[in-house]
Amino acid sequence: MTDRRPHLLLVRHAEAEHYSAACSDPGLTARGRRQSQLFADWLGKNTPDVLFSSTLRRAADTARAVAERTGLPVGWDARLREVGTCRPDGRPLEGAGLGGVGLPPRERPLESVFPGAESWVEFRVRVGLAMDRVLAATAAAGGRAAVVCHGGVLDALLDNIVDADVCSPVEVAWANTAVTHLEHRPRETGSPWVLHSHNTRPHLKDEQLDAWTEAAR
């Protein structure tokens, strides 16, 4: 019998250019394009059943590399966009970016990230709706999905999973093209989520982050 409990490979986009006044939706750097190709090659050795991505360029370009390597169609979902890039009702807010917003959104969770944009609480609802779609499609397709998104999306998902207060006391590292593997189980089997691995980059062995070593410098 096939195990259809959804397994999610959650991936932060590859390295992107910085925000600027002229570009609030930056694409990938040369290094980021290389990262996305290496990630796509690695994932192509064990292709998932479905592929989802944010519609912002840095995630979309990362997902397209995977699609070209695996032949999978991309399930585009604007609800997987970074915090502050949608309106309170979840509609995309063009021209939005994170530059110059002051305090991190999680530290003022009930306030709009900037005028016209969502709050952190509204963002968490948006991410929850996106993940409902991902989980349903993954279970129906065979059980394995790759989801290319953003650090804020991953923070919100983690907050939702652990039912964190609106202002979470924990900050989690999400490296570019790093993979976090979560398994979702029906509630009747016990804990609904299993974390198999976090923030790993097996495709970038020569670029592995060593925060412990860096902290000693």
C-alpha atoms as a PDB file:
ATOM      1  CA  MET A   1       0.000   0.000   0.000  1.00  0.00           C
ATOM      2  CA  THR A   2       1.382   3.412  -0.950  1.00  0.00           C
ATOM      3  CA  ASP A   3       2.171   5.760   1.904  1.00  0.00           C
ATOM      4  CA  ARG A   4       0.260   8.898   0.982  1.00  0.00           C
ATOM      5  CA  ARG A   5       1.093  10.900   4.057  1.00  0.00           C
ATOM      6  CA  PRO A   6       2.445  14.120   2.567  1.00  0.00           C
ATOM      7  CA  HIS A   7       6.187  14.649   2.703  1.00  0.00           C
ATOM      8  CA  LEU A   8       7.175  18.251   2.041  1.00  0.00           C
ATOM      9  CA  LEU A   9      10.584  19.494   0.958  1.00  0.00           C
ATOM     10  CA  LEU A  10      10.424  23.165   1.879  1.00  0.00           C
ATOM     11  CA  VAL A  11      13.033  25.220   0.065  1.00  0.00           C
ATOM     12  CA  ARG A  12      14.012  28.837   0.469  1.00  0.00           C
ATOM     13  CA  HIS A  13      14.787  30.469  -2.873  1.00  0.00           C
ATOM     14  CA  ALA A  14      18.363  30.781  -4.172  1.00  0.00           C
ATOM     15  CA  GLU A  15      20.487  33.853  -3.447  1.00  0.00           C
ATOM     16  CA  ALA A  16      18.827  36.999  -4.801  1.00  0.00           C
ATOM     17  CA  GLU A  17      19.873  40.521  -5.668  1.00  0.00           C
ATOM     18  CA  HIS A  18      19.190  43.207  -3.075  1.00  0.00           C
ATOM     19  CA  TYR A  19      16.041  45.277  -3.062  1.00  0.00           C
ATOM     20  CA  SER A  20      16.334  48.756  -4.544  1.00  0.00           C
ATOM     21  CA  ALA A  21      14.056  51.674  -5.304  1.00  0.00           C
ATOM     22  CA  ALA A  22      14.067  50.552  -8.925  1.00  0.00           C
ATOM     23  CA  CYS A  23      13.408  46.863  -8.225  1.00  0.00           C
ATOM     24  CA  SER A  24      11.216  45.561  -5.418  1.00  0.00           C
ATOM     25  CA  ASP A  25      11.049  42.047  -6.913  1.00  0.00           C
ATOM     26  CA  PRO A  26      14.705  41.141  -7.532  1.00  0.00           C
ATOM     27  CA  GLY A  27      15.899  38.099  -9.432  1.00  0.00           C
ATOM     28  CA  LEU A  28      18.783  35.774  -8.642  1.00  0.00           C
ATOM     29  CA  THR A  29      22.453  36.631  -8.480  1.00  0.00           C
ATOM     30  CA  ALA A  30      24.951  34.661 -10.567  1.00  0.00           C
ATOM     31  CA  ARG A  31      25.673  32.608  -7.469  1.00  0.00           C
ATOM     32  CA  GLY A  32      21.951  32.140  -6.921  1.00  0.00           C
ATOM     33  CA  ARG A  33      21.496  30.815 -10.446  1.00  0.00           C
ATOM     34  CA  ARG A  34      24.276  28.323  -9.794  1.00  0.00           C
ATOM     35  CA  GLN A  35      22.656  27.304  -6.507  1.00  0.00           C
ATOM     36  CA  SER A  36      19.314  26.760  -8.228  1.00  0.00           C
ATOM     37  CA  GLN A  37      20.900  24.548 -10.886  1.00  0.00           C
ATOM     38  CA  LEU A  38      22.726  22.450  -8.306  1.00  0.00           C
ATOM     39  CA  PHE A  39      19.549  22.101  -6.273  1.00  0.00           C
ATOM     40  CA  ALA A  40      17.586  21.110  -9.377  1.00  0.00           C
ATOM     41  CA  ASP A  41      20.186  18.474 -10.281  1.00  0.00           C
ATOM     42  CA  TRP A  42      20.064  17.062  -6.749  1.00  0.00           C
ATOM     43  CA  LEU A  43      16.263  16.986  -6.661  1.00  0.00           C
ATOM     44  CA  GLY A  44      16.156  15.438 -10.128  1.00  0.00           C
ATOM     45  CA  LYS A  45      17.759  12.295  -8.719  1.00  0.00           C
ATOM     46  CA  ASN A  46      14.669  11.715  -6.574  1.00  0.00           C
ATOM     47  CA  THR A  47      11.917  13.706  -8.242  1.00  0.00           C
ATOM     48  CA  PRO A  48       8.908  14.694  -6.116  1.00  0.00           C
ATOM     49  CA  ASP A  49       5.342  14.182  -7.247  1.00  0.00           C
ATOM     50  CA  VAL A  50       4.410  17.859  -7.320  1.00  0.00           C
ATOM     51  CA  LEU A  51       6.162  21.227  -7.333  1.00  0.00           C
ATOM     52  CA  PHE A  52       4.820  24.482  -5.902  1.00  0.00           C
ATOM     53  CA  SER A  53       6.311  27.955  -5.877  1.00  0.00           C
ATOM     54  CA  SER A  54       5.800  31.539  -4.876  1.00  0.00           C
ATOM     55  CA  THR A  55       5.257  33.890  -7.797  1.00  0.00           C
ATOM     56  CA  LEU A  56       8.014  36.331  -6.777  1.00  0.00           C
ATOM     57  CA  ARG A  57      10.991  36.261  -9.156  1.00  0.00           C
ATOM     58  CA  ARG A  58      13.627  34.891  -6.812  1.00  0.00           C
ATOM     59  CA  ALA A  59      11.448  31.888  -5.958  1.00  0.00           C
ATOM     60  CA  ALA A  60      10.012  31.540  -9.461  1.00  0.00           C
ATOM     61  CA  ASP A  61      13.469  31.429 -11.048  1.00  0.00           C
ATOM     62  CA  THR A  62      14.539  28.777  -8.532  1.00  0.00           C
ATOM     63  CA  ALA A  63      11.423  26.721  -9.259  1.00  0.00           C
ATOM     64  CA  ARG A  64      11.864  27.020 -13.031  1.00  0.00           C
ATOM     65  CA  ALA A  65      15.306  25.426 -12.726  1.00  0.00           C
ATOM     66  CA  VAL A  66      13.670  22.484 -10.945  1.00  0.00           C
ATOM     67  CA  ALA A  67      10.892  22.286 -13.533  1.00  0.00           C
ATOM     68  CA  GLU A  68      13.377  22.208 -16.401  1.00  0.00           C
ATOM     69  CA  ARG A  69      15.393  19.460 -14.733  1.00  0.00           C
ATOM     70  CA  THR A  70      12.476  17.279 -13.595  1.00  0.00           C
ATOM     71  CA  GLY A  71       9.776  17.991 -16.165  1.00  0.00           C
ATOM     72  CA  LEU A  72       7.301  18.834 -13.406  1.00  0.00           C
ATOM     73  CA  PRO A  73       4.791  21.639 -13.967  1.00  0.00           C
ATOM     74  CA  VAL A  74       4.964  24.417 -11.395  1.00  0.00           C
ATOM     75  CA  GLY A  75       1.938  25.039  -9.227  1.00  0.00           C
ATOM     76  CA  TRP A  76       2.181  28.805  -8.896  1.00  0.00           C
ATOM     77  CA  ASP A  77       0.600  30.212  -5.751  1.00  0.00           C
ATOM     78  CA  ALA A  78       0.733  33.901  -4.816  1.00  0.00           C
ATOM     79  CA  ARG A  79      -0.118  32.928  -1.231  1.00  0.00           C
ATOM     80  CA  LEU A  80       3.456  31.595  -0.957  1.00  0.00           C
ATOM     81  CA  ARG A  81       4.897  35.089  -1.513  1.00  0.00           C
ATOM     82  CA  GLU A  82       7.020  36.775   1.150  1.00  0.00           C
ATOM     83  CA  VAL A  83       5.437  38.710   4.011  1.00  0.00           C
ATOM     84  CA  GLY A  84       4.332  42.208   3.071  1.00  0.00           C
ATOM     85  CA  THR A  85       3.885  41.470  -0.621  1.00  0.00           C
ATOM     86  CA  CYS A  86       0.122  40.894  -0.410  1.00  0.00           C
ATOM     87  CA  ARG A  87      -2.875  42.908   0.729  1.00  0.00           C
ATOM     88  CA  PRO A  88      -4.772  41.954   3.896  1.00  0.00           C
ATOM     89  CA  ASP A  89      -7.188  39.896   1.773  1.00  0.00           C
ATOM     90  CA  GLY A  90      -4.304  37.915   0.243  1.00  0.00           C
ATOM     91  CA  ARG A  91      -4.227  39.570  -3.173  1.00  0.00           C
ATOM     92  CA  PRO A  92      -0.708  40.295  -4.491  1.00  0.00           C
ATOM     93  CA  LEU A  93       0.532  43.821  -3.867  1.00  0.00           C
ATOM     94  CA  GLU A  94       2.742  44.782  -6.786  1.00  0.00           C
ATOM     95  CA  GLY A  95       5.772  46.904  -6.049  1.00  0.00           C
ATOM     96  CA  ALA A  96       5.918  45.719  -2.460  1.00  0.00           C
ATOM     97  CA  GLY A  97       9.177  44.820  -0.768  1.00  0.00           C
ATOM     98  CA  LEU A  98      10.693  44.365   2.650  1.00  0.00           C
ATOM     99  CA  GLY A  99      13.247  47.154   2.486  1.00  0.00           C
ATOM    100  CA  GLY A 100      12.842  49.939   5.006  1.00  0.00           C
ATOM    101  CA  VAL A 101       9.904  48.555   6.974  1.00  0.00           C
ATOM    102  CA  GLY A 102      11.471  49.148  10.395  1.00  0.00           C
ATOM    103  CA  LEU A 103      10.921  46.477  13.011  1.00  0.00           C
ATOM    104  CA  PRO A 104      10.606  42.880  11.764  1.00  0.00           C
ATOM    105  CA  PRO A 105       6.918  42.046  11.118  1.00  0.00           C
ATOM    106  CA  ARG A 106       6.868  39.363  13.820  1.00  0.00           C
ATOM    107  CA  GLU A 107       7.693  42.016  16.434  1.00  0.00           C
ATOM    108  CA  ARG A 108       4.559  44.022  15.558  1.00  0.00           C
ATOM    109  CA  PRO A 109       2.266  41.210  14.446  1.00  0.00           C
ATOM    110  CA  LEU A 110      -1.009  43.151  14.390  1.00  0.00           C
ATOM    111  CA  GLU A 111       0.292  46.105  12.365  1.00  0.00           C
ATOM    112  CA  SER A 112       0.464  46.320   8.579  1.00  0.00           C
ATOM    113  CA  VAL A 113       3.985  45.722   7.296  1.00  0.00           C
ATOM    114  CA  PHE A 114       3.509  49.054   5.541  1.00  0.00           C
ATOM    115  CA  PRO A 115       0.403  50.994   4.397  1.00  0.00           C
ATOM    116  CA  GLY A 116      -1.839  48.817   2.261  1.00  0.00           C
ATOM    117  CA  ALA A 117      -0.074  45.557   3.106  1.00  0.00           C
ATOM    118  CA  GLU A 118      -0.964  42.691   5.417  1.00  0.00           C
ATOM    119  CA  SER A 119       0.030  42.226   9.045  1.00  0.00           C
ATOM    120  CA  TRP A 120       2.021  39.247  10.324  1.00  0.00           C
ATOM    121  CA  VAL A 121      -1.166  37.655  11.670  1.00  0.00           C
ATOM    122  CA  GLU A 122      -2.885  38.026   8.290  1.00  0.00           C
ATOM    123  CA  PHE A 123       0.241  36.655   6.633  1.00  0.00           C
ATOM    124  CA  ARG A 124       0.098  33.547   8.817  1.00  0.00           C
ATOM    125  CA  VAL A 125      -3.493  32.959   7.706  1.00  0.00           C
ATOM    126  CA  ARG A 126      -2.429  33.329   4.062  1.00  0.00           C
ATOM    127  CA  VAL A 127       0.398  30.829   4.473  1.00  0.00           C
ATOM    128  CA  GLY A 128      -1.950  28.398   6.212  1.00  0.00           C
ATOM    129  CA  LEU A 129      -4.361  28.504   3.280  1.00  0.00           C
ATOM    130  CA  ALA A 130      -1.517  27.921   0.825  1.00  0.00           C
ATOM    131  CA  MET A 131      -0.292  24.922   2.787  1.00  0.00           C
ATOM    132  CA  ASP A 132      -3.803  23.445   2.911  1.00  0.00           C
ATOM    133  CA  ARG A 133      -3.730  23.413  -0.896  1.00  0.00           C
ATOM    134  CA  VAL A 134      -0.214  21.954  -0.971  1.00  0.00           C
ATOM    135  CA  LEU A 135      -1.067  19.157   1.463  1.00  0.00           C
ATOM    136  CA  ALA A 136      -4.239  18.162  -0.378  1.00  0.00           C
ATOM    137  CA  ALA A 137      -2.534  18.122  -3.771  1.00  0.00           C
ATOM    138  CA  THR A 138       0.478  16.251  -2.414  1.00  0.00           C
ATOM    139  CA  ALA A 139      -1.609  13.492  -0.853  1.00  0.00           C
ATOM    140  CA  ALA A 140      -3.608  13.109  -4.064  1.00  0.00           C
ATOM    141  CA  ALA A 141      -0.533  13.045  -6.303  1.00  0.00           C
ATOM    142  CA  GLY A 142       1.498  10.427  -4.487  1.00  0.00           C
ATOM    143  CA  GLY A 143       2.835  11.924  -1.305  1.00  0.00           C
ATOM    144  CA  ARG A 144       5.907  14.088  -2.034  1.00  0.00           C
ATOM    145  CA  ALA A 145       6.118  17.799  -2.814  1.00  0.00           C
ATOM    146  CA  ALA A 146       8.827  20.411  -3.237  1.00  0.00           C
ATOM    147  CA  VAL A 147       7.746  23.903  -2.195  1.00  0.00           C
ATOM    148  CA  VAL A 148       9.921  26.865  -3.185  1.00  0.00           C
ATOM    149  CA  CYS A 149       9.191  29.912  -1.086  1.00  0.00           C
ATOM    150  CA  HIS A 150      10.735  32.451   1.316  1.00  0.00           C
ATOM    151  CA  GLY A 151      12.157  32.695   4.806  1.00  0.00           C
ATOM    152  CA  GLY A 152       9.106  34.552   6.074  1.00  0.00           C
ATOM    153  CA  VAL A 153       6.779  31.886   4.691  1.00  0.00           C
ATOM    154  CA  LEU A 154       8.785  29.208   6.456  1.00  0.00           C
ATOM    155  CA  ASP A 155       8.721  31.208   9.698  1.00  0.00           C
ATOM    156  CA  ALA A 156       4.942  31.545   9.432  1.00  0.00           C
ATOM    157  CA  LEU A 157       4.491  27.851   8.676  1.00  0.00           C
ATOM    158  CA  LEU A 158       6.579  26.919  11.701  1.00  0.00           C
ATOM    159  CA  ASP A 159       4.604  29.319  13.899  1.00  0.00           C
ATOM    160  CA  ASN A 160       1.373  27.727  12.664  1.00  0.00           C
ATOM    161  CA  ILE A 161       2.634  24.194  13.264  1.00  0.00           C
ATOM    162  CA  VAL A 162       3.694  24.836  16.861  1.00  0.00           C
ATOM    163  CA  ASP A 163       0.727  27.157  17.460  1.00  0.00           C
ATOM    164  CA  ALA A 164       3.079  29.929  18.524  1.00  0.00           C
ATOM    165  CA  ASP A 165       1.875  33.186  20.006  1.00  0.00           C
ATOM    166  CA  VAL A 166       1.587  36.059  17.557  1.00  0.00           C
ATOM    167  CA  CYS A 167       5.100  37.120  18.556  1.00  0.00           C
ATOM    168  CA  SER A 168       7.284  34.007  18.488  1.00  0.00           C
ATOM    169  CA  PRO A 169      10.374  34.077  20.746  1.00  0.00           C
ATOM    170  CA  VAL A 170      12.384  31.864  18.392  1.00  0.00           C
ATOM    171  CA  GLU A 171      14.155  32.909  15.200  1.00  0.00           C
ATOM    172  CA  VAL A 172      15.004  30.079  12.787  1.00  0.00           C
ATOM    173  CA  ALA A 173      17.741  30.077  10.135  1.00  0.00           C
ATOM    174  CA  TRP A 174      16.749  29.384   6.516  1.00  0.00           C
ATOM    175  CA  ALA A 175      19.694  29.364   4.090  1.00  0.00           C
ATOM    176  CA  ASN A 176      19.360  29.892   0.342  1.00  0.00           C
ATOM    177  CA  THR A 177      18.222  26.630  -1.333  1.00  0.00           C
ATOM    178  CA  ALA A 178      18.385  24.864   2.027  1.00  0.00           C
ATOM    179  CA  VAL A 179      15.921  21.997   2.396  1.00  0.00           C
ATOM    180  CA  THR A 180      13.647  21.324   5.352  1.00  0.00           C
ATOM    181  CA  HIS A 181      11.804  17.985   5.273  1.00  0.00           C
ATOM    182  CA  LEU A 182       8.452  17.807   7.046  1.00  0.00           C
ATOM    183  CA  GLU A 183       6.006  14.913   7.101  1.00  0.00           C
ATOM    184  CA  HIS A 184       2.318  15.509   7.755  1.00  0.00           C
ATOM    185  CA  ARG A 185       0.397  12.734   9.502  1.00  0.00           C
ATOM    186  CA  PRO A 186      -3.344  12.436  10.132  1.00  0.00           C
ATOM    187  CA  ARG A 187      -4.185  13.516  13.652  1.00  0.00           C
ATOM    188  CA  GLU A 188      -5.444  10.083  14.614  1.00  0.00           C
ATOM    189  CA  THR A 189      -1.883   8.718  14.369  1.00  0.00           C
ATOM    190  CA  GLY A 190      -0.595  11.080  17.063  1.00  0.00           C
ATOM    191  CA  SER A 191       1.523  14.164  16.427  1.00  0.00           C
ATOM    192  CA  PRO A 192       0.400  15.689  13.101  1.00  0.00           C
ATOM    193  CA  TRP A 193       3.893  16.793  12.034  1.00  0.00           C
ATOM    194  CA  VAL A 194       7.310  15.136  11.952  1.00  0.00           C
ATOM    195  CA  LEU A 195      10.491  17.129  11.304  1.00  0.00           C
ATOM    196  CA  HIS A 196      12.969  14.858   9.502  1.00  0.00           C
ATOM    197  CA  SER A 197      15.631  17.463   8.709  1.00  0.00           C
ATOM    198  CA  HIS A 198      16.132  21.210   8.791  1.00  0.00           C
ATOM    199  CA  ASN A 199      18.161  23.682   6.729  1.00  0.00           C
ATOM    200  CA  THR A 200      20.314  21.092   4.937  1.00  0.00           C
ATOM    201  CA  ARG A 201      22.119  21.742   1.651  1.00  0.00           C
ATOM    202  CA  PRO A 202      23.451  18.393   0.380  1.00  0.00           C
ATOM    203  CA  HIS A 203      23.755  19.871  -3.116  1.00  0.00           C
ATOM    204  CA  LEU A 204      26.108  22.611  -1.876  1.00  0.00           C
ATOM    205  CA  LYS A 205      28.673  20.652   0.079  1.00  0.00           C
ATOM    206  CA  ASP A 206      31.371  23.195  -0.724  1.00  0.00           C
ATOM    207  CA  GLU A 207      29.139  26.022   0.501  1.00  0.00           C
ATOM    208  CA  GLN A 208      27.655  24.504   3.645  1.00  0.00           C
ATOM    209  CA  LEU A 209      26.998  27.120   6.270  1.00  0.00           C
ATOM    210  CA  ASP A 210      28.927  26.570   9.460  1.00  0.00           C
ATOM    211  CA  ALA A 211      27.306  28.955  11.916  1.00  0.00           C
ATOM    212  CA  TRP A 212      29.218  27.415  14.818  1.00  0.00           C
ATOM    213  CA  THR A 213      32.565  28.196  13.202  1.00  0.00           C
ATOM    214  CA  GLU A 214      31.418  31.660  12.125  1.00  0.00           C
ATOM    215  CA  ALA A 215      30.283  32.460  15.657  1.00  0.00           C
ATOM    216  CA  ALA A 216      33.780  31.773  16.977  1.00  0.00           C
ATOM    217  CA  ARG A 217      35.391  34.379  14.738  1.00  0.00           C
END
